Amino acid sequence: MANNNTLSKSINVEYLSTLWMLIEFVVALYSGIMAKSILLIAFGLDSFLEIIAGSILIWRLKKEANGAASETIKKAEKITSMLVGIILILLSIYVTITSLLNLFGHGVADDSLSGIIIAILSLLMMPFFIIKKRRYGKILKSDALIEDSYCNVTCAYIAGTVLAGMILNALFGFWWADSVAALILVYFIFTEGLEGIKGE
């Protein structure tokens, strides 16, 4: 009974997390396109990937709640991890090429108030999701739920990098800050992508 209650709570947390990622995706992508900010666009695309991951996990948790075979769930998780991993690697290639082109061509990202706000809100929201998912994951002995919390860690890291890049550009006119911060971000995105492909 306690496990069923925890399972229900974990599904609700995933719904809330996925809804937030949808808001983050729309605002960050729109702000990034308007401001010509690679960082914000990458932030938005990462949020989209987390929507996919969250949706799959909701499906997986609901299957578990309905007593589905664990082998079916594990197979779906493995395929999804691989696909998300490939998308993350493609995203890291896009960020690298665009950042280098901007650096060599002196491309400047415009200020984006909506981008700064969504990054701050994300930094405030992520700890809640991380704590809840890890707590419920340990109770349910669900590695997938615990692993999903690392997506929120990635999101918080990206939000912090986005915020730092935009503030440096807005306050000090460091035109290169957006591109350099984006290149720093590539390592994290690429590593996570490799882990997804390997199924780690």
N, C-alpha and C. Protein backbone atom coordinates (compact mmCIF):
# COMPACT_ATOMS: atom_id res chain seq x y z
N MET A 1 0.84 -1.21 0.00
CA MET A 1 0.00 0.00 0.00
C MET A 1 0.87 1.26 0.00
N ALA A 2 1.94 1.21 0.84
CA ALA A 2 2.86 2.36 0.92
C ALA A 2 3.55 2.58 -0.42
N ASN A 3 3.94 1.45 -1.07
CA ASN A 3 4.59 1.54 -2.38
C ASN A 3 3.67 2.11 -3.45
N ASN A 4 2.37 1.72 -3.39
CA ASN A 4 1.39 2.25 -4.34
C ASN A 4 1.22 3.76 -4.17
N ASN A 5 1.25 4.20 -2.92
CA ASN A 5 1.13 5.64 -2.61
C ASN A 5 2.34 6.39 -3.15
N THR A 6 3.54 5.81 -2.94
CA THR A 6 4.78 6.42 -3.43
C THR A 6 4.80 6.44 -4.96
N LEU A 7 4.33 5.35 -5.56
CA LEU A 7 4.26 5.26 -7.03
C LEU A 7 3.37 6.36 -7.59
N SER A 8 2.23 6.57 -6.94
CA SER A 8 1.30 7.62 -7.35
C SER A 8 1.93 9.00 -7.23
N LYS A 9 2.66 9.22 -6.13
CA LYS A 9 3.33 10.51 -5.92
C LYS A 9 4.44 10.73 -6.95
N SER A 10 5.17 9.65 -7.27
CA SER A 10 6.27 9.77 -8.24
C SER A 10 5.73 10.09 -9.63
N ILE A 11 4.57 9.51 -9.99
CA ILE A 11 3.95 9.81 -11.29
C ILE A 11 3.52 11.28 -11.33
N ASN A 12 2.97 11.78 -10.23
CA ASN A 12 2.55 13.20 -10.15
C ASN A 12 3.75 14.14 -10.27
N VAL A 13 4.87 13.77 -9.64
CA VAL A 13 6.10 14.58 -9.74
C VAL A 13 6.60 14.60 -11.17
N GLU A 14 6.52 13.43 -11.85
CA GLU A 14 6.95 13.37 -13.25
C GLU A 14 6.06 14.22 -14.15
N TYR A 15 4.75 14.21 -13.88
CA TYR A 15 3.83 15.06 -14.63
C TYR A 15 4.20 16.53 -14.46
N LEU A 16 4.44 16.93 -13.21
CA LEU A 16 4.79 18.32 -12.91
C LEU A 16 6.11 18.71 -13.55
N SER A 17 7.08 17.79 -13.48
CA SER A 17 8.41 18.02 -14.07
C SER A 17 8.31 18.17 -15.59
N THR A 18 7.53 17.30 -16.23
CA THR A 18 7.36 17.34 -17.69
C THR A 18 6.63 18.61 -18.13
N LEU A 19 5.65 19.02 -17.34
CA LEU A 19 4.92 20.27 -17.64
C LEU A 19 5.86 21.46 -17.57
N TRP A 20 6.72 21.47 -16.53
CA TRP A 20 7.69 22.57 -16.40
C TRP A 20 8.65 22.58 -17.58
N MET A 21 9.10 21.39 -18.00
CA MET A 21 10.02 21.30 -19.13
C MET A 21 9.38 21.82 -20.42
N LEU A 22 8.06 21.61 -20.54
CA LEU A 22 7.34 22.13 -21.71
C LEU A 22 7.36 23.66 -21.72
N ILE A 23 7.11 24.26 -20.55
CA ILE A 23 7.15 25.73 -20.42
C ILE A 23 8.56 26.23 -20.72
N GLU A 24 9.54 25.54 -20.15
CA GLU A 24 10.95 25.90 -20.33
C GLU A 24 11.35 25.81 -21.80
N PHE A 25 10.92 24.76 -22.47
CA PHE A 25 11.23 24.54 -23.89
C PHE A 25 10.69 25.69 -24.74
N VAL A 26 9.42 26.04 -24.55
CA VAL A 26 8.78 27.09 -25.36
C VAL A 26 9.44 28.45 -25.11
N VAL A 27 9.62 28.81 -23.84
CA VAL A 27 10.18 30.13 -23.50
C VAL A 27 11.65 30.23 -23.92
N ALA A 28 12.44 29.21 -23.60
CA ALA A 28 13.88 29.25 -23.91
C ALA A 28 14.12 29.25 -25.41
N LEU A 29 13.40 28.41 -26.15
CA LEU A 29 13.60 28.34 -27.60
C LEU A 29 13.18 29.66 -28.27
N TYR A 30 12.03 30.19 -27.88
CA TYR A 30 11.55 31.45 -28.44
C TYR A 30 12.54 32.59 -28.11
N SER A 31 12.96 32.64 -26.83
CA SER A 31 13.91 33.69 -26.40
C SER A 31 15.23 33.56 -27.13
N GLY A 32 15.68 32.31 -27.32
CA GLY A 32 16.96 32.07 -28.00
C GLY A 32 16.93 32.50 -29.46
N ILE A 33 15.82 32.19 -30.13
CA ILE A 33 15.68 32.59 -31.55
C ILE A 33 15.62 34.10 -31.68
N MET A 34 14.84 34.75 -30.80
CA MET A 34 14.70 36.21 -30.83
C MET A 34 16.01 36.92 -30.50
N ALA A 35 16.77 36.36 -29.54
CA ALA A 35 18.02 37.00 -29.10
C ALA A 35 19.25 36.50 -29.86
N LYS A 36 19.05 35.52 -30.75
CA LYS A 36 20.15 34.88 -31.48
C LYS A 36 21.17 34.28 -30.52
N SER A 37 20.67 33.66 -29.46
CA SER A 37 21.52 33.07 -28.43
C SER A 37 21.59 31.55 -28.58
N ILE A 38 22.80 31.05 -28.87
CA ILE A 38 23.01 29.60 -29.01
C ILE A 38 22.70 28.91 -27.69
N LEU A 39 23.13 29.54 -26.60
CA LEU A 39 22.92 28.97 -25.27
C LEU A 39 21.45 28.74 -24.98
N LEU A 40 20.63 29.75 -25.23
CA LEU A 40 19.20 29.64 -24.96
C LEU A 40 18.53 28.60 -25.86
N ILE A 41 18.95 28.56 -27.12
CA ILE A 41 18.39 27.56 -28.05
C ILE A 41 18.74 26.15 -27.57
N ALA A 42 20.02 25.97 -27.16
CA ALA A 42 20.46 24.68 -26.64
C ALA A 42 19.69 24.31 -25.37
N PHE A 43 19.44 25.31 -24.54
CA PHE A 43 18.66 25.13 -23.30
C PHE A 43 17.26 24.64 -23.64
N GLY A 44 16.64 25.27 -24.63
CA GLY A 44 15.30 24.88 -25.06
C GLY A 44 15.27 23.47 -25.63
N LEU A 45 16.26 23.13 -26.46
CA LEU A 45 16.32 21.80 -27.07
C LEU A 45 16.55 20.72 -26.02
N ASP A 46 17.39 21.03 -25.01
CA ASP A 46 17.61 20.09 -23.92
C ASP A 46 16.31 19.85 -23.15
N SER A 47 15.53 20.91 -22.95
CA SER A 47 14.24 20.78 -22.26
C SER A 47 13.30 19.88 -23.05
N PHE A 48 13.36 19.98 -24.38
CA PHE A 48 12.53 19.13 -25.23
C PHE A 48 12.90 17.65 -25.05
N LEU A 49 14.20 17.38 -24.96
CA LEU A 49 14.67 16.00 -24.73
C LEU A 49 14.18 15.48 -23.38
N GLU A 50 14.15 16.38 -22.39
CA GLU A 50 13.69 15.98 -21.06
C GLU A 50 12.18 15.74 -21.04
N ILE A 51 11.45 16.40 -21.95
CA ILE A 51 10.01 16.12 -22.10
C ILE A 51 9.84 14.68 -22.59
N ILE A 52 10.66 14.30 -23.57
CA ILE A 52 10.61 12.93 -24.10
C ILE A 52 10.94 11.92 -23.00
N ALA A 53 12.04 12.18 -22.28
CA ALA A 53 12.47 11.27 -21.21
C ALA A 53 11.41 11.17 -20.12
N GLY A 54 10.84 12.31 -19.73
CA GLY A 54 9.80 12.34 -18.69
C GLY A 54 8.55 11.59 -19.11
N SER A 55 8.16 11.75 -20.37
CA SER A 55 6.97 11.07 -20.89
C SER A 55 7.15 9.56 -20.88
N ILE A 56 8.35 9.11 -21.27
CA ILE A 56 8.64 7.67 -21.27
C ILE A 56 8.62 7.13 -19.84
N LEU A 57 9.16 7.91 -18.90
CA LEU A 57 9.19 7.46 -17.51
C LEU A 57 7.79 7.40 -16.91
N ILE A 58 6.93 8.34 -17.29
CA ILE A 58 5.53 8.30 -16.84
C ILE A 58 4.88 7.01 -17.35
N TRP A 59 5.13 6.70 -18.64
CA TRP A 59 4.60 5.47 -19.22
C TRP A 59 5.12 4.25 -18.45
N ARG A 60 6.41 4.27 -18.13
CA ARG A 60 7.05 3.15 -17.42
C ARG A 60 6.48 2.99 -16.02
N LEU A 61 6.32 4.09 -15.29
CA LEU A 61 5.78 4.05 -13.93
C LEU A 61 4.32 3.57 -13.93
N LYS A 62 3.56 4.01 -14.94
CA LYS A 62 2.16 3.58 -15.04
C LYS A 62 2.08 2.08 -15.35
N LYS A 63 3.01 1.60 -16.18
CA LYS A 63 3.06 0.17 -16.49
C LYS A 63 3.34 -0.61 -15.20
N GLU A 64 4.26 -0.10 -14.41
CA GLU A 64 4.61 -0.76 -13.15
C GLU A 64 3.40 -0.75 -12.20
N ALA A 65 2.70 0.38 -12.18
CA ALA A 65 1.51 0.50 -11.33
C ALA A 65 0.43 -0.49 -11.75
N ASN A 66 0.39 -0.80 -13.06
CA ASN A 66 -0.62 -1.74 -13.58
C ASN A 66 -0.12 -3.18 -13.63
N GLY A 67 1.12 -3.39 -13.11
CA GLY A 67 1.65 -4.76 -13.01
C GLY A 67 2.21 -5.33 -14.30
N ALA A 68 2.75 -4.48 -15.19
CA ALA A 68 3.32 -4.98 -16.46
C ALA A 68 4.62 -5.73 -16.22
N ALA A 69 5.01 -6.57 -17.18
CA ALA A 69 6.26 -7.34 -17.08
C ALA A 69 7.46 -6.40 -17.10
N SER A 70 8.40 -6.66 -16.21
CA SER A 70 9.58 -5.79 -16.08
C SER A 70 10.45 -5.82 -17.33
N GLU A 71 10.49 -6.96 -18.03
CA GLU A 71 11.32 -7.08 -19.24
C GLU A 71 10.85 -6.12 -20.34
N THR A 72 9.55 -5.96 -20.47
CA THR A 72 8.98 -5.04 -21.47
C THR A 72 9.39 -3.61 -21.16
N ILE A 73 9.34 -3.26 -19.90
CA ILE A 73 9.69 -1.90 -19.45
C ILE A 73 11.18 -1.65 -19.68
N LYS A 74 12.01 -2.62 -19.33
CA LYS A 74 13.47 -2.47 -19.48
C LYS A 74 13.87 -2.28 -20.95
N LYS A 75 13.20 -3.02 -21.83
CA LYS A 75 13.50 -2.93 -23.26
C LYS A 75 13.17 -1.54 -23.80
N ALA A 76 11.99 -1.03 -23.40
CA ALA A 76 11.57 0.31 -23.83
C ALA A 76 12.52 1.38 -23.31
N GLU A 77 12.96 1.22 -22.07
CA GLU A 77 13.90 2.18 -21.46
C GLU A 77 15.23 2.21 -22.22
N LYS A 78 15.71 1.02 -22.60
CA LYS A 78 16.99 0.92 -23.29
C LYS A 78 16.95 1.61 -24.65
N ILE A 79 15.88 1.36 -25.41
CA ILE A 79 15.71 1.98 -26.73
C ILE A 79 15.62 3.50 -26.60
N THR A 80 14.83 3.94 -25.61
CA THR A 80 14.65 5.38 -25.40
C THR A 80 15.96 6.06 -25.01
N SER A 81 16.72 5.42 -24.11
CA SER A 81 18.01 5.97 -23.69
C SER A 81 18.95 6.15 -24.87
N MET A 82 18.94 5.15 -25.77
CA MET A 82 19.82 5.21 -26.94
C MET A 82 19.41 6.35 -27.88
N LEU A 83 18.10 6.50 -28.12
CA LEU A 83 17.62 7.57 -29.00
C LEU A 83 17.91 8.95 -28.43
N VAL A 84 17.66 9.11 -27.13
CA VAL A 84 17.93 10.40 -26.48
C VAL A 84 19.43 10.68 -26.51
N GLY A 85 20.25 9.63 -26.32
CA GLY A 85 21.70 9.78 -26.37
C GLY A 85 22.18 10.29 -27.73
N ILE A 86 21.62 9.72 -28.80
CA ILE A 86 21.97 10.14 -30.17
C ILE A 86 21.58 11.61 -30.39
N ILE A 87 20.38 11.99 -29.92
CA ILE A 87 19.92 13.37 -30.08
C ILE A 87 20.83 14.33 -29.31
N LEU A 88 21.26 13.93 -28.11
CA LEU A 88 22.15 14.78 -27.31
C LEU A 88 23.50 14.99 -28.01
N ILE A 89 24.03 13.93 -28.63
CA ILE A 89 25.30 14.05 -29.36
C ILE A 89 25.14 14.98 -30.57
N LEU A 90 24.03 14.84 -31.29
CA LEU A 90 23.76 15.73 -32.42
C LEU A 90 23.62 17.18 -31.94
N LEU A 91 22.99 17.37 -30.77
CA LEU A 91 22.84 18.70 -30.19
C LEU A 91 24.21 19.29 -29.85
N SER A 92 25.11 18.46 -29.31
CA SER A 92 26.45 18.95 -28.94
C SER A 92 27.24 19.35 -30.19
N ILE A 93 27.04 18.62 -31.30
CA ILE A 93 27.72 18.97 -32.56
C ILE A 93 27.19 20.31 -33.08
N TYR A 94 25.86 20.48 -33.02
CA TYR A 94 25.24 21.74 -33.45
C TYR A 94 25.77 22.92 -32.64
N VAL A 95 25.82 22.76 -31.32
CA VAL A 95 26.28 23.84 -30.43
C VAL A 95 27.74 24.18 -30.72
N THR A 96 28.58 23.16 -30.94
CA THR A 96 30.00 23.38 -31.22
C THR A 96 30.20 24.16 -32.51
N ILE A 97 29.57 23.71 -33.59
CA ILE A 97 29.72 24.37 -34.89
C ILE A 97 29.22 25.81 -34.84
N THR A 98 28.01 26.01 -34.27
CA THR A 98 27.43 27.36 -34.22
C THR A 98 28.25 28.29 -33.34
N SER A 99 28.77 27.77 -32.22
CA SER A 99 29.58 28.59 -31.31
C SER A 99 30.88 29.04 -31.98
N LEU A 100 31.53 28.09 -32.67
CA LEU A 100 32.79 28.43 -33.35
C LEU A 100 32.56 29.44 -34.48
N LEU A 101 31.48 29.27 -35.22
CA LEU A 101 31.14 30.22 -36.28
C LEU A 101 30.89 31.62 -35.70
N ASN A 102 30.20 31.67 -34.55
CA ASN A 102 29.93 32.95 -33.89
C ASN A 102 31.21 33.60 -33.37
N LEU A 103 32.11 32.78 -32.83
CA LEU A 103 33.37 33.32 -32.29
C LEU A 103 34.23 33.90 -33.41
N PHE A 104 34.35 33.15 -34.50
CA PHE A 104 35.17 33.63 -35.62
C PHE A 104 34.50 34.77 -36.38
N GLY A 105 33.17 34.78 -36.37
CA GLY A 105 32.44 35.83 -37.09
C GLY A 105 31.96 36.97 -36.20
N HIS A 106 32.39 36.93 -34.90
CA HIS A 106 31.99 37.95 -33.92
C HIS A 106 30.47 38.09 -33.81
N GLY A 107 29.77 36.95 -33.84
CA GLY A 107 28.31 36.98 -33.68
C GLY A 107 27.94 37.32 -32.25
N VAL A 108 27.03 38.25 -32.09
CA VAL A 108 26.65 38.72 -30.76
C VAL A 108 25.21 38.33 -30.44
N ALA A 109 25.01 37.76 -29.24
CA ALA A 109 23.65 37.45 -28.78
C ALA A 109 23.07 38.69 -28.12
N ASP A 110 21.80 38.98 -28.41
CA ASP A 110 21.13 40.12 -27.79
C ASP A 110 20.70 39.77 -26.36
N ASP A 111 20.45 40.82 -25.57
CA ASP A 111 19.93 40.61 -24.22
C ASP A 111 18.55 39.97 -24.30
N SER A 112 18.24 39.12 -23.34
CA SER A 112 16.93 38.47 -23.32
C SER A 112 16.42 38.39 -21.88
N LEU A 113 15.49 39.29 -21.55
CA LEU A 113 14.92 39.30 -20.19
C LEU A 113 14.17 38.00 -19.92
N SER A 114 13.38 37.53 -20.90
CA SER A 114 12.63 36.29 -20.71
C SER A 114 13.57 35.10 -20.54
N GLY A 115 14.72 35.14 -21.24
CA GLY A 115 15.72 34.08 -21.10
C GLY A 115 16.33 34.05 -19.72
N ILE A 116 16.64 35.24 -19.19
CA ILE A 116 17.20 35.34 -17.84
C ILE A 116 16.20 34.86 -16.80
N ILE A 117 14.93 35.24 -16.95
CA ILE A 117 13.88 34.84 -16.00
C ILE A 117 13.68 33.33 -16.00
N ILE A 118 13.61 32.71 -17.19
CA ILE A 118 13.37 31.26 -17.25
C ILE A 118 14.56 30.49 -16.68
N ALA A 119 15.78 31.03 -16.86
CA ALA A 119 16.98 30.37 -16.30
C ALA A 119 16.96 30.44 -14.77
N ILE A 120 16.58 31.60 -14.22
CA ILE A 120 16.50 31.75 -12.76
C ILE A 120 15.44 30.83 -12.18
N LEU A 121 14.26 30.81 -12.80
CA LEU A 121 13.17 29.95 -12.33
C LEU A 121 13.57 28.47 -12.38
N SER A 122 14.30 28.10 -13.43
CA SER A 122 14.75 26.72 -13.57
C SER A 122 15.71 26.35 -12.44
N LEU A 123 16.62 27.26 -12.11
CA LEU A 123 17.56 27.01 -11.01
C LEU A 123 16.84 26.84 -9.68
N LEU A 124 15.72 27.55 -9.51
CA LEU A 124 14.93 27.45 -8.28
C LEU A 124 14.10 26.16 -8.24
N MET A 125 13.61 25.71 -9.41
CA MET A 125 12.72 24.56 -9.48
C MET A 125 13.45 23.21 -9.43
N MET A 126 14.61 23.14 -10.05
CA MET A 126 15.30 21.86 -10.21
C MET A 126 15.61 21.12 -8.91
N PRO A 127 16.08 21.80 -7.85
CA PRO A 127 16.35 21.07 -6.59
C PRO A 127 15.14 20.30 -6.06
N PHE A 128 13.94 20.87 -6.22
CA PHE A 128 12.71 20.20 -5.77
C PHE A 128 12.53 18.87 -6.49
N PHE A 129 12.67 18.90 -7.83
CA PHE A 129 12.49 17.68 -8.63
C PHE A 129 13.58 16.65 -8.32
N ILE A 130 14.82 17.12 -8.17
CA ILE A 130 15.94 16.22 -7.89
C ILE A 130 15.71 15.47 -6.58
N ILE A 131 15.36 16.21 -5.52
CA ILE A 131 15.15 15.60 -4.19
C ILE A 131 13.99 14.60 -4.21
N LYS A 132 12.86 15.01 -4.80
CA LYS A 132 11.67 14.15 -4.83
C LYS A 132 11.92 12.87 -5.62
N LYS A 133 12.52 12.99 -6.82
CA LYS A 133 12.74 11.83 -7.67
C LYS A 133 13.71 10.83 -7.03
N ARG A 134 14.75 11.35 -6.40
CA ARG A 134 15.71 10.46 -5.75
C ARG A 134 15.10 9.77 -4.53
N ARG A 135 14.29 10.51 -3.80
CA ARG A 135 13.63 9.94 -2.62
C ARG A 135 12.67 8.82 -3.02
N TYR A 136 11.80 9.11 -4.00
CA TYR A 136 10.83 8.10 -4.44
C TYR A 136 11.52 6.94 -5.16
N GLY A 137 12.59 7.26 -5.90
CA GLY A 137 13.34 6.22 -6.60
C GLY A 137 13.96 5.20 -5.65
N LYS A 138 14.47 5.69 -4.51
CA LYS A 138 15.06 4.79 -3.52
C LYS A 138 13.99 3.93 -2.85
N ILE A 139 12.85 4.53 -2.56
CA ILE A 139 11.76 3.78 -1.93
C ILE A 139 11.25 2.68 -2.86
N LEU A 140 11.09 3.03 -4.15
CA LEU A 140 10.56 2.08 -5.14
C LEU A 140 11.63 1.17 -5.73
N LYS A 141 12.90 1.44 -5.34
CA LYS A 141 14.05 0.73 -5.92
C LYS A 141 14.03 0.85 -7.45
N SER A 142 13.74 2.08 -7.91
CA SER A 142 13.67 2.36 -9.35
C SER A 142 14.90 3.15 -9.80
N ASP A 143 15.81 2.45 -10.50
CA ASP A 143 17.01 3.12 -11.03
C ASP A 143 16.62 4.18 -12.05
N ALA A 144 15.58 3.90 -12.84
CA ALA A 144 15.14 4.84 -13.89
C ALA A 144 14.72 6.18 -13.29
N LEU A 145 14.01 6.12 -12.17
CA LEU A 145 13.54 7.36 -11.53
C LEU A 145 14.71 8.14 -10.95
N ILE A 146 15.67 7.42 -10.37
CA ILE A 146 16.87 8.08 -9.82
C ILE A 146 17.69 8.68 -10.96
N GLU A 147 17.83 7.93 -12.07
CA GLU A 147 18.58 8.42 -13.23
C GLU A 147 17.91 9.66 -13.84
N ASP A 148 16.57 9.68 -13.79
CA ASP A 148 15.85 10.82 -14.34
C ASP A 148 16.16 12.10 -13.56
N SER A 149 16.50 11.94 -12.28
CA SER A 149 16.86 13.11 -11.47
C SER A 149 18.13 13.77 -12.01
N TYR A 150 19.00 12.95 -12.66
CA TYR A 150 20.23 13.50 -13.23
C TYR A 150 19.94 14.40 -14.44
N CYS A 151 18.79 14.15 -15.10
CA CYS A 151 18.36 15.05 -16.18
C CYS A 151 18.09 16.44 -15.60
N ASN A 152 17.52 16.46 -14.39
CA ASN A 152 17.24 17.73 -13.73
C ASN A 152 18.53 18.42 -13.27
N VAL A 153 19.52 17.60 -12.90
CA VAL A 153 20.84 18.16 -12.55
C VAL A 153 21.45 18.83 -13.78
N THR A 154 21.35 18.14 -14.94
CA THR A 154 21.83 18.69 -16.21
C THR A 154 21.12 20.00 -16.53
N CYS A 155 19.82 20.00 -16.33
CA CYS A 155 19.01 21.19 -16.61
C CYS A 155 19.46 22.37 -15.74
N ALA A 156 19.72 22.09 -14.46
CA ALA A 156 20.18 23.15 -13.53
C ALA A 156 21.55 23.68 -13.97
N TYR A 157 22.43 22.76 -14.40
CA TYR A 157 23.76 23.16 -14.86
C TYR A 157 23.66 24.05 -16.10
N ILE A 158 22.81 23.63 -17.04
CA ILE A 158 22.62 24.41 -18.27
C ILE A 158 22.03 25.79 -17.94
N ALA A 159 21.03 25.81 -17.03
CA ALA A 159 20.41 27.09 -16.64
C ALA A 159 21.45 28.04 -16.03
N GLY A 160 22.33 27.49 -15.20
CA GLY A 160 23.39 28.30 -14.58
C GLY A 160 24.36 28.85 -15.61
N THR A 161 24.72 28.00 -16.60
CA THR A 161 25.63 28.42 -17.67
C THR A 161 24.99 29.50 -18.54
N VAL A 162 23.71 29.29 -18.85
CA VAL A 162 22.95 30.27 -19.65
C VAL A 162 22.92 31.61 -18.93
N LEU A 163 22.61 31.57 -17.64
CA LEU A 163 22.51 32.79 -16.83
C LEU A 163 23.84 33.54 -16.78
N ALA A 164 24.92 32.79 -16.55
CA ALA A 164 26.25 33.40 -16.48
C ALA A 164 26.63 34.05 -17.81
N GLY A 165 26.37 33.34 -18.92
CA GLY A 165 26.70 33.87 -20.25
C GLY A 165 25.93 35.13 -20.57
N MET A 166 24.62 35.14 -20.27
CA MET A 166 23.78 36.30 -20.58
C MET A 166 24.11 37.50 -19.69
N ILE A 167 24.41 37.24 -18.41
CA ILE A 167 24.74 38.34 -17.49
C ILE A 167 26.07 39.00 -17.88
N LEU A 168 27.06 38.16 -18.24
CA LEU A 168 28.36 38.70 -18.68
C LEU A 168 28.21 39.57 -19.93
N ASN A 169 27.34 39.12 -20.83
CA ASN A 169 27.10 39.87 -22.06
C ASN A 169 26.35 41.17 -21.78
N ALA A 170 25.31 41.08 -20.93
CA ALA A 170 24.47 42.25 -20.63
C ALA A 170 25.20 43.31 -19.81
N LEU A 171 25.97 42.88 -18.80
CA LEU A 171 26.62 43.84 -17.90
C LEU A 171 27.95 44.38 -18.43
N PHE A 172 28.73 43.50 -19.04
CA PHE A 172 30.09 43.90 -19.43
C PHE A 172 30.32 43.94 -20.94
N GLY A 173 29.29 43.55 -21.71
CA GLY A 173 29.43 43.59 -23.16
C GLY A 173 30.40 42.54 -23.69
N PHE A 174 30.56 41.45 -22.94
CA PHE A 174 31.44 40.36 -23.41
C PHE A 174 30.71 39.59 -24.51
N TRP A 175 30.87 40.02 -25.76
CA TRP A 175 30.15 39.44 -26.89
C TRP A 175 30.43 37.95 -27.06
N TRP A 176 31.60 37.51 -26.60
CA TRP A 176 32.01 36.12 -26.77
C TRP A 176 31.49 35.20 -25.66
N ALA A 177 30.90 35.78 -24.60
CA ALA A 177 30.50 34.99 -23.43
C ALA A 177 29.49 33.90 -23.77
N ASP A 178 28.52 34.22 -24.62
CA ASP A 178 27.48 33.25 -25.00
C ASP A 178 28.09 32.03 -25.68
N SER A 179 28.99 32.29 -26.64
CA SER A 179 29.60 31.20 -27.40
C SER A 179 30.56 30.37 -26.54
N VAL A 180 31.36 31.04 -25.70
CA VAL A 180 32.31 30.32 -24.84
C VAL A 180 31.57 29.46 -23.81
N ALA A 181 30.53 30.04 -23.20
CA ALA A 181 29.73 29.28 -22.23
C ALA A 181 29.07 28.08 -22.90
N ALA A 182 28.62 28.27 -24.15
CA ALA A 182 27.99 27.17 -24.90
C ALA A 182 29.00 26.05 -25.16
N LEU A 183 30.25 26.41 -25.47
CA LEU A 183 31.29 25.41 -25.71
C LEU A 183 31.61 24.62 -24.44
N ILE A 184 31.58 25.30 -23.29
CA ILE A 184 31.80 24.62 -22.00
C ILE A 184 30.68 23.60 -21.78
N LEU A 185 29.49 23.99 -22.19
CA LEU A 185 28.29 23.16 -22.03
C LEU A 185 28.35 21.88 -22.87
N VAL A 186 29.04 21.96 -24.01
CA VAL A 186 29.09 20.84 -24.96
C VAL A 186 29.62 19.57 -24.30
N TYR A 187 30.65 19.68 -23.48
CA TYR A 187 31.24 18.50 -22.82
C TYR A 187 30.18 17.75 -22.02
N PHE A 188 29.39 18.51 -21.26
CA PHE A 188 28.36 17.92 -20.41
C PHE A 188 27.28 17.22 -21.25
N ILE A 189 26.84 17.90 -22.32
CA ILE A 189 25.79 17.34 -23.19
C ILE A 189 26.30 16.08 -23.91
N PHE A 190 27.53 16.16 -24.42
CA PHE A 190 28.13 15.04 -25.17
C PHE A 190 28.31 13.82 -24.27
N THR A 191 28.81 14.06 -23.04
CA THR A 191 29.03 12.97 -22.08
C THR A 191 27.72 12.28 -21.73
N GLU A 192 26.68 13.07 -21.50
CA GLU A 192 25.37 12.50 -21.18
C GLU A 192 24.82 11.70 -22.36
N GLY A 193 25.09 12.19 -23.57
CA GLY A 193 24.66 11.48 -24.77
C GLY A 193 25.33 10.13 -24.90
N LEU A 194 26.64 10.07 -24.64
CA LEU A 194 27.40 8.81 -24.69
C LEU A 194 26.87 7.81 -23.66
N GLU A 195 26.56 8.32 -22.48
CA GLU A 195 26.03 7.46 -21.41
C GLU A 195 24.68 6.85 -21.82
N GLY A 196 23.87 7.67 -22.50
CA GLY A 196 22.57 7.19 -22.97
C GLY A 196 22.71 6.08 -24.00
N ILE A 197 23.67 6.25 -24.93
CA ILE A 197 23.90 5.25 -25.97
C ILE A 197 24.44 3.94 -25.37
N LYS A 198 25.32 4.09 -24.38
CA LYS A 198 25.88 2.90 -23.73
C LYS A 198 24.90 2.24 -22.78
N GLY A 199 23.82 2.99 -22.46
CA GLY A 199 22.82 2.43 -21.55
C GLY A 199 23.23 2.51 -20.10
N GLU A 200 24.10 3.47 -19.78
CA GLU A 200 24.57 3.64 -18.40
C GLU A 200 23.61 4.50 -17.60
